């Protein structure tokens, strides 16, 4: 499936809850593409590509950041309501204010529906 989004966050004027700086006022837009495949009645694969861009709204030189993610996961049904899964994730984060970051991770787990 394909999804996209746009989100804008701004403090209310004269709010007593507003932070002392403008760093929380921003806009975000992004998209993701997910591919799912059932290999057998017990095993399936999922892969997702995602992208998010965040930009500050009120600073003279606004903060901007991009995040790109790739996630691949294999699932195996081991019971009527239980699945085991393993996967890998790769994330790239670039910003004009804070340091860039790279992440590579592996994960595994069990999911049970009650």
N, C-alpha and C. Protein backbone atom coordinates (compact mmCIF):
# COMPACT_ATOMS: atom_id res chain seq x y z
N UNK A 1 0.80 -1.17 0.00
CA UNK A 1 0.00 0.00 0.00
C UNK A 1 0.86 1.26 0.00
N UNK A 2 0.28 2.33 -0.37
CA UNK A 2 0.94 3.64 -0.41
C UNK A 2 0.19 4.58 0.53
N UNK A 3 0.93 5.29 1.37
CA UNK A 3 0.31 6.29 2.24
C UNK A 3 1.12 7.58 2.17
N UNK A 4 0.46 8.68 2.46
CA UNK A 4 1.11 9.98 2.53
C UNK A 4 0.46 10.79 3.63
N UNK A 5 1.18 11.76 4.16
CA UNK A 5 0.60 12.59 5.21
C UNK A 5 1.23 13.97 5.22
N UNK A 6 0.49 14.89 5.83
CA UNK A 6 0.96 16.24 6.11
C UNK A 6 0.43 16.62 7.48
N UNK A 7 1.30 17.17 8.33
CA UNK A 7 0.92 17.55 9.69
C UNK A 7 1.57 18.89 10.00
N UNK A 8 0.79 19.81 10.55
CA UNK A 8 1.31 21.12 10.94
C UNK A 8 0.99 21.32 12.41
N UNK A 9 2.01 21.65 13.21
CA UNK A 9 1.85 21.85 14.65
C UNK A 9 2.24 23.27 14.99
N UNK A 10 1.30 24.02 15.57
CA UNK A 10 1.56 25.40 15.97
C UNK A 10 0.93 25.65 17.34
N UNK A 11 1.61 26.45 18.17
CA UNK A 11 1.05 26.84 19.46
C UNK A 11 -0.12 27.79 19.24
N UNK A 12 -1.09 27.71 20.15
CA UNK A 12 -2.17 28.68 20.13
C UNK A 12 -1.63 30.05 20.54
N UNK A 13 -2.12 31.12 19.93
CA UNK A 13 -1.65 32.46 20.32
C UNK A 13 -1.94 32.72 21.80
N UNK A 14 -0.97 33.29 22.50
CA UNK A 14 -1.10 33.68 23.91
C UNK A 14 -1.46 32.51 24.83
N UNK A 15 -1.07 31.31 24.47
CA UNK A 15 -1.36 30.14 25.30
C UNK A 15 -0.43 30.10 26.51
N UNK A 16 -0.97 29.75 27.66
CA UNK A 16 -0.14 29.62 28.85
C UNK A 16 0.67 28.33 28.81
N UNK A 17 0.35 27.44 27.88
CA UNK A 17 1.05 26.17 27.75
C UNK A 17 2.14 26.21 26.68
N UNK A 18 2.31 27.32 26.03
CA UNK A 18 3.30 27.42 24.95
C UNK A 18 4.71 27.32 25.51
N UNK A 19 5.60 26.63 24.81
CA UNK A 19 6.99 26.58 25.25
C UNK A 19 7.65 27.94 25.12
N UNK A 20 8.81 28.08 25.72
CA UNK A 20 9.51 29.37 25.70
C UNK A 20 10.22 29.64 24.39
N UNK A 21 10.35 28.64 23.54
CA UNK A 21 10.95 28.86 22.22
C UNK A 21 10.01 28.32 21.15
N UNK A 22 10.40 28.50 19.90
CA UNK A 22 9.53 28.11 18.79
C UNK A 22 9.91 26.77 18.17
N UNK A 23 10.72 25.98 18.83
CA UNK A 23 11.22 24.76 18.21
C UNK A 23 10.17 23.69 18.00
N UNK A 24 9.02 23.78 18.67
CA UNK A 24 7.98 22.77 18.51
C UNK A 24 6.98 23.11 17.41
N UNK A 25 7.06 24.31 16.87
CA UNK A 25 6.19 24.70 15.76
C UNK A 25 6.82 24.22 14.47
N UNK A 26 6.18 23.24 13.82
CA UNK A 26 6.78 22.69 12.61
C UNK A 26 5.72 22.10 11.70
N UNK A 27 6.16 21.78 10.52
CA UNK A 27 5.32 21.03 9.58
C UNK A 27 6.07 19.75 9.22
N UNK A 28 5.31 18.70 9.01
CA UNK A 28 5.88 17.42 8.60
C UNK A 28 5.09 16.91 7.41
N UNK A 29 5.80 16.31 6.49
CA UNK A 29 5.16 15.62 5.39
C UNK A 29 5.95 14.35 5.13
N UNK A 30 5.25 13.34 4.64
CA UNK A 30 5.94 12.08 4.43
C UNK A 30 5.13 11.12 3.61
N UNK A 31 5.76 9.99 3.32
CA UNK A 31 5.12 8.96 2.52
C UNK A 31 5.74 7.62 2.87
N UNK A 32 4.98 6.57 2.61
CA UNK A 32 5.52 5.23 2.79
C UNK A 32 4.93 4.30 1.73
N UNK A 33 5.69 3.28 1.43
CA UNK A 33 5.29 2.26 0.47
C UNK A 33 5.51 0.92 1.13
N UNK A 34 4.47 0.10 1.22
CA UNK A 34 4.56 -1.20 1.88
C UNK A 34 4.22 -2.31 0.89
N UNK A 35 5.04 -3.35 0.92
CA UNK A 35 4.84 -4.53 0.10
C UNK A 35 4.69 -5.72 1.05
N UNK A 36 3.62 -6.51 0.87
CA UNK A 36 3.40 -7.70 1.69
C UNK A 36 3.18 -8.89 0.78
N UNK A 37 3.74 -10.02 1.20
CA UNK A 37 3.62 -11.22 0.38
C UNK A 37 3.43 -12.43 1.29
N UNK A 38 2.42 -13.22 1.02
CA UNK A 38 2.21 -14.47 1.75
C UNK A 38 2.92 -15.58 0.99
N UNK A 39 3.95 -16.15 1.60
CA UNK A 39 4.72 -17.20 0.94
C UNK A 39 4.08 -18.57 1.08
N UNK A 40 3.37 -18.76 2.18
CA UNK A 40 2.64 -20.01 2.44
C UNK A 40 1.54 -19.66 3.45
N UNK A 41 0.68 -20.60 3.78
CA UNK A 41 -0.34 -20.28 4.80
C UNK A 41 0.26 -19.92 6.16
N UNK A 42 1.52 -20.26 6.41
CA UNK A 42 2.14 -19.99 7.70
C UNK A 42 3.17 -18.87 7.68
N UNK A 43 3.70 -18.51 6.53
CA UNK A 43 4.83 -17.57 6.45
C UNK A 43 4.49 -16.40 5.54
N UNK A 44 4.84 -15.18 6.00
CA UNK A 44 4.65 -13.98 5.15
C UNK A 44 5.83 -13.05 5.32
N UNK A 45 6.01 -12.18 4.34
CA UNK A 45 7.08 -11.17 4.33
C UNK A 45 6.45 -9.80 4.17
N UNK A 46 7.04 -8.80 4.84
CA UNK A 46 6.63 -7.40 4.69
C UNK A 46 7.88 -6.56 4.48
N UNK A 47 7.78 -5.57 3.62
CA UNK A 47 8.86 -4.60 3.43
C UNK A 47 8.23 -3.22 3.32
N UNK A 48 8.81 -2.25 4.02
CA UNK A 48 8.29 -0.88 4.01
C UNK A 48 9.41 0.11 3.78
N UNK A 49 9.21 1.03 2.85
CA UNK A 49 10.08 2.18 2.64
C UNK A 49 9.34 3.41 3.14
N UNK A 50 10.00 4.25 3.93
CA UNK A 50 9.35 5.45 4.45
C UNK A 50 10.24 6.67 4.35
N UNK A 51 9.61 7.83 4.23
CA UNK A 51 10.32 9.11 4.16
C UNK A 51 9.51 10.16 4.91
N UNK A 52 10.20 10.96 5.74
CA UNK A 52 9.57 12.07 6.46
C UNK A 52 10.46 13.29 6.37
N UNK A 53 9.86 14.45 6.10
CA UNK A 53 10.57 15.73 6.09
C UNK A 53 9.91 16.63 7.14
N UNK A 54 10.71 17.19 8.04
CA UNK A 54 10.22 18.09 9.08
C UNK A 54 10.88 19.45 8.88
N UNK A 55 10.09 20.53 8.99
CA UNK A 55 10.62 21.88 8.83
C UNK A 55 10.01 22.78 9.89
N UNK A 56 10.88 23.54 10.59
CA UNK A 56 10.41 24.52 11.56
C UNK A 56 9.64 25.63 10.88
N UNK A 57 8.69 26.23 11.60
CA UNK A 57 7.83 27.24 11.01
C UNK A 57 8.22 28.67 11.35
N UNK A 58 8.78 28.91 12.52
CA UNK A 58 8.89 30.30 12.97
C UNK A 58 10.30 30.83 13.09
N UNK A 59 11.30 30.01 13.02
CA UNK A 59 12.66 30.51 13.13
C UNK A 59 13.06 31.24 11.85
N UNK A 60 13.96 32.21 11.99
CA UNK A 60 14.45 32.91 10.81
C UNK A 60 15.21 31.95 9.90
N UNK A 61 15.95 31.03 10.50
CA UNK A 61 16.67 29.98 9.76
C UNK A 61 16.09 28.65 10.26
N UNK A 62 14.99 28.17 9.67
CA UNK A 62 14.27 27.04 10.26
C UNK A 62 15.07 25.74 10.23
N UNK A 63 14.85 24.94 11.26
CA UNK A 63 15.43 23.61 11.30
C UNK A 63 14.73 22.75 10.26
N UNK A 64 15.53 21.95 9.58
CA UNK A 64 14.98 21.00 8.61
C UNK A 64 15.62 19.65 8.84
N UNK A 65 14.82 18.60 8.68
CA UNK A 65 15.34 17.25 8.86
C UNK A 65 14.63 16.30 7.92
N UNK A 66 15.38 15.32 7.43
CA UNK A 66 14.84 14.25 6.60
C UNK A 66 15.16 12.92 7.25
N UNK A 67 14.19 12.02 7.23
CA UNK A 67 14.41 10.67 7.74
C UNK A 67 13.92 9.68 6.71
N UNK A 68 14.77 8.71 6.39
CA UNK A 68 14.42 7.64 5.46
C UNK A 68 14.58 6.31 6.18
N UNK A 69 13.61 5.42 5.98
CA UNK A 69 13.60 4.14 6.69
C UNK A 69 13.28 3.00 5.73
N UNK A 70 13.99 1.90 5.90
CA UNK A 70 13.68 0.64 5.22
C UNK A 70 13.52 -0.41 6.30
N UNK A 71 12.40 -1.13 6.27
CA UNK A 71 12.12 -2.17 7.26
C UNK A 71 11.67 -3.42 6.51
N UNK A 72 12.30 -4.56 6.83
CA UNK A 72 11.95 -5.85 6.24
C UNK A 72 11.65 -6.81 7.39
N UNK A 73 10.57 -7.57 7.26
CA UNK A 73 10.14 -8.44 8.35
C UNK A 73 9.56 -9.73 7.79
N UNK A 74 9.92 -10.85 8.43
CA UNK A 74 9.34 -12.15 8.11
C UNK A 74 8.53 -12.61 9.31
N UNK A 75 7.34 -13.13 9.05
CA UNK A 75 6.45 -13.60 10.11
C UNK A 75 6.12 -15.07 9.87
N UNK A 76 6.02 -15.81 10.98
CA UNK A 76 5.59 -17.21 10.90
C UNK A 76 4.54 -17.45 11.96
N UNK A 77 3.40 -17.96 11.50
CA UNK A 77 2.34 -18.30 12.44
C UNK A 77 2.74 -19.58 13.17
N UNK A 78 2.73 -19.53 14.50
CA UNK A 78 3.10 -20.71 15.29
C UNK A 78 1.93 -21.22 16.12
N UNK A 79 0.81 -20.57 16.03
CA UNK A 79 -0.40 -20.98 16.73
C UNK A 79 -1.57 -20.23 16.15
N UNK A 80 -2.81 -20.56 16.58
CA UNK A 80 -3.99 -19.89 16.03
C UNK A 80 -3.97 -18.37 16.21
N UNK A 81 -3.38 -17.89 17.32
CA UNK A 81 -3.33 -16.45 17.58
C UNK A 81 -1.93 -15.97 17.93
N UNK A 82 -0.91 -16.72 17.53
CA UNK A 82 0.47 -16.37 17.88
C UNK A 82 1.35 -16.39 16.64
N UNK A 83 2.18 -15.34 16.52
CA UNK A 83 3.15 -15.24 15.43
C UNK A 83 4.52 -14.96 16.00
N UNK A 84 5.54 -15.53 15.36
CA UNK A 84 6.93 -15.17 15.64
C UNK A 84 7.40 -14.33 14.46
N UNK A 85 8.28 -13.37 14.72
CA UNK A 85 8.77 -12.53 13.64
C UNK A 85 10.24 -12.18 13.85
N UNK A 86 10.92 -11.95 12.73
CA UNK A 86 12.30 -11.46 12.72
C UNK A 86 12.37 -10.42 11.63
N UNK A 87 13.30 -9.48 11.79
CA UNK A 87 13.41 -8.46 10.76
C UNK A 87 14.64 -7.60 10.93
N UNK A 88 14.76 -6.66 10.01
CA UNK A 88 15.88 -5.72 10.01
C UNK A 88 15.35 -4.34 9.63
N UNK A 89 16.02 -3.31 10.16
CA UNK A 89 15.63 -1.93 9.89
C UNK A 89 16.89 -1.11 9.63
N UNK A 90 16.80 -0.20 8.66
CA UNK A 90 17.88 0.73 8.35
C UNK A 90 17.26 2.12 8.30
N UNK A 91 17.82 3.07 9.08
CA UNK A 91 17.32 4.44 9.10
C UNK A 91 18.46 5.41 8.83
N UNK A 92 18.15 6.45 8.07
CA UNK A 92 19.08 7.55 7.79
C UNK A 92 18.39 8.84 8.20
N UNK A 93 19.07 9.65 8.99
CA UNK A 93 18.52 10.91 9.48
C UNK A 93 19.50 12.03 9.16
N UNK A 94 19.03 13.07 8.47
CA UNK A 94 19.86 14.22 8.12
C UNK A 94 19.18 15.49 8.61
N UNK A 95 19.96 16.39 9.23
CA UNK A 95 19.42 17.62 9.78
C UNK A 95 20.41 18.76 9.58
N UNK A 96 19.87 19.97 9.46
CA UNK A 96 20.76 21.13 9.36
C UNK A 96 21.11 21.69 10.73
N UNK A 97 20.60 21.10 11.83
CA UNK A 97 20.88 21.59 13.19
C UNK A 97 21.59 20.57 14.06
N UNK A 98 21.06 19.39 14.13
CA UNK A 98 21.68 18.35 14.96
C UNK A 98 22.45 17.40 14.06
N UNK A 99 23.31 16.62 14.64
CA UNK A 99 24.12 15.72 13.84
C UNK A 99 23.30 14.70 13.07
N UNK A 100 23.82 14.32 11.93
CA UNK A 100 23.18 13.27 11.15
C UNK A 100 23.33 11.94 11.89
N UNK A 101 22.45 11.01 11.60
CA UNK A 101 22.49 9.72 12.29
C UNK A 101 22.18 8.60 11.31
N UNK A 102 22.76 7.46 11.59
CA UNK A 102 22.52 6.23 10.83
C UNK A 102 22.21 5.13 11.82
N UNK A 103 21.26 4.26 11.47
CA UNK A 103 20.93 3.14 12.35
C UNK A 103 20.73 1.89 11.52
N UNK A 104 21.29 0.81 11.99
CA UNK A 104 21.01 -0.52 11.45
C UNK A 104 20.62 -1.38 12.64
N UNK A 105 19.47 -2.05 12.55
CA UNK A 105 18.99 -2.82 13.69
C UNK A 105 18.37 -4.12 13.20
N UNK A 106 18.49 -5.13 14.05
CA UNK A 106 17.80 -6.39 13.85
C UNK A 106 16.84 -6.57 15.01
N UNK A 107 15.72 -7.24 14.78
CA UNK A 107 14.75 -7.43 15.85
C UNK A 107 14.06 -8.78 15.67
N UNK A 108 13.52 -9.29 16.76
CA UNK A 108 12.78 -10.54 16.75
C UNK A 108 11.77 -10.49 17.90
N UNK A 109 10.69 -11.24 17.77
CA UNK A 109 9.73 -11.24 18.86
C UNK A 109 8.58 -12.19 18.61
N UNK A 110 7.68 -12.18 19.56
CA UNK A 110 6.44 -12.95 19.49
C UNK A 110 5.27 -12.00 19.63
N UNK A 111 4.21 -12.25 18.90
CA UNK A 111 2.98 -11.46 19.02
C UNK A 111 1.84 -12.43 19.27
N UNK A 112 1.07 -12.14 20.32
CA UNK A 112 -0.08 -13.00 20.65
C UNK A 112 -1.32 -12.13 20.81
N UNK A 113 -2.41 -12.53 20.20
CA UNK A 113 -3.69 -11.85 20.33
C UNK A 113 -4.53 -12.57 21.37
N UNK A 114 -5.05 -11.82 22.32
CA UNK A 114 -5.88 -12.42 23.38
C UNK A 114 -7.34 -12.33 23.02
